[in-house]
């Protein structure tokens, strides 16, 4: 799907896919790809928020700044020097995609 997309839309799709893949790595306890994918995906979504025509950062019905705030909070503990099973089990806010009108 993203192969056919262009410009900001392509970046948006790639970012969503990478963040989604990072969540799969979270569930499978694969730390290195979780870090790589979450960083790459969030960086792309941040770029979309800057490039989009909406001053509040809404793109395709998604409030990107709000989503990224929650995603940053969720992924932050996985960038600590020591990540244990307790890190994965810790109750944390989970980013949800909520579309707005």
Protein backbone atom coordinates (compact mmCIF):
# COMPACT_ATOMS: atom_id res chain seq x y z
CA UNK A 1 0.00 0.00 0.00
CA UNK A 2 2.67 2.53 0.95
CA UNK A 3 4.66 1.61 -2.18
CA UNK A 4 2.00 3.35 -4.26
CA UNK A 5 1.65 6.35 -1.94
CA UNK A 6 3.58 9.57 -2.37
CA UNK A 7 5.14 12.27 -0.23
CA UNK A 8 3.55 12.94 3.17
CA UNK A 9 0.96 10.18 2.78
CA UNK A 10 3.72 7.65 2.13
CA UNK A 11 5.65 8.84 5.19
CA UNK A 12 2.48 8.62 7.29
CA UNK A 13 1.79 5.03 6.22
CA UNK A 14 5.40 3.99 6.75
CA UNK A 15 5.39 5.55 10.22
CA UNK A 16 2.18 3.81 11.25
CA UNK A 17 3.45 0.48 9.94
CA UNK A 18 6.75 0.82 11.78
CA UNK A 19 5.11 1.79 15.08
CA UNK A 20 2.69 -1.12 14.66
CA UNK A 21 5.60 -3.48 13.98
CA UNK A 22 7.32 -2.15 17.13
CA UNK A 23 4.26 -3.26 19.12
CA UNK A 24 4.59 -6.73 17.68
CA UNK A 25 8.22 -6.74 18.82
CA UNK A 26 7.04 -5.59 22.26
CA UNK A 27 4.75 -8.62 22.50
CA UNK A 28 7.49 -10.97 21.33
CA UNK A 29 10.06 -9.35 23.69
CA UNK A 30 12.46 -8.43 20.89
CA UNK A 31 14.14 -5.33 22.29
CA UNK A 32 16.48 -4.26 19.49
CA UNK A 33 13.84 -4.24 16.72
CA UNK A 34 11.36 -2.63 19.13
CA UNK A 35 13.80 0.25 19.61
CA UNK A 36 14.67 0.56 15.94
CA UNK A 37 11.12 0.38 14.61
CA UNK A 38 9.59 2.60 17.28
CA UNK A 39 12.21 5.27 16.71
CA UNK A 40 11.96 5.19 12.92
CA UNK A 41 8.17 5.17 12.94
CA UNK A 42 7.81 7.97 15.46
CA UNK A 43 10.38 10.07 13.59
CA UNK A 44 8.38 9.68 10.38
CA UNK A 45 5.13 10.60 12.13
CA UNK A 46 6.79 13.67 13.66
CA UNK A 47 7.86 14.74 10.19
CA UNK A 48 4.29 14.28 8.94
CA UNK A 49 2.98 16.45 11.79
CA UNK A 50 5.36 19.22 10.69
CA UNK A 51 4.62 18.86 6.97
CA UNK A 52 0.83 18.53 7.12
CA UNK A 53 -1.44 21.48 6.37
CA UNK A 54 -3.15 21.35 9.78
CA UNK A 55 -1.47 23.63 12.34
CA UNK A 56 -2.56 21.32 15.18
CA UNK A 57 -0.83 18.31 13.59
CA UNK A 58 -3.94 16.38 12.62
CA UNK A 59 -3.40 14.21 9.57
CA UNK A 60 -5.84 11.74 8.00
CA UNK A 61 -8.02 12.05 11.10
CA UNK A 62 -5.24 11.24 13.56
CA UNK A 63 -4.05 13.78 16.12
CA UNK A 64 -0.36 13.07 15.64
CA UNK A 65 1.00 15.16 18.55
CA UNK A 66 -1.33 13.44 21.03
CA UNK A 67 -0.58 9.99 19.60
CA UNK A 68 3.17 10.65 19.68
CA UNK A 69 3.05 11.89 23.28
CA UNK A 70 1.47 8.62 24.38
CA UNK A 71 3.76 6.53 22.14
CA UNK A 72 6.85 8.30 23.52
CA UNK A 73 5.70 7.61 27.08
CA UNK A 74 5.06 3.95 26.26
CA UNK A 75 8.38 3.29 24.49
CA UNK A 76 10.62 5.36 26.78
CA UNK A 77 11.35 2.59 29.36
CA UNK A 78 12.62 0.32 26.58
CA UNK A 79 15.53 2.69 25.93
CA UNK A 80 16.91 2.41 29.47
CA UNK A 81 20.28 0.69 29.92
CA UNK A 82 18.62 -2.18 31.78
CA UNK A 83 15.43 -3.66 30.38
CA UNK A 84 14.04 -6.72 32.13
CA UNK A 85 10.89 -8.78 31.93
CA UNK A 86 9.48 -6.44 34.58
CA UNK A 87 9.80 -3.59 32.08
CA UNK A 88 7.61 -5.48 29.63
CA UNK A 89 5.08 -6.38 32.33
CA UNK A 90 4.83 -2.88 33.76
CA UNK A 91 1.39 -1.34 33.39
CA UNK A 92 1.67 1.53 30.99
CA UNK A 93 -0.50 3.66 28.83
CA UNK A 94 -0.86 2.11 25.38
CA UNK A 95 -1.10 4.30 22.29
CA UNK A 96 -4.42 3.99 20.51
CA UNK A 97 -5.30 5.35 17.14
CA UNK A 98 -8.42 7.47 17.53
CA UNK A 99 -9.63 9.18 14.42
CA UNK A 100 -11.16 12.62 14.69
CA UNK A 101 -13.61 14.38 12.39
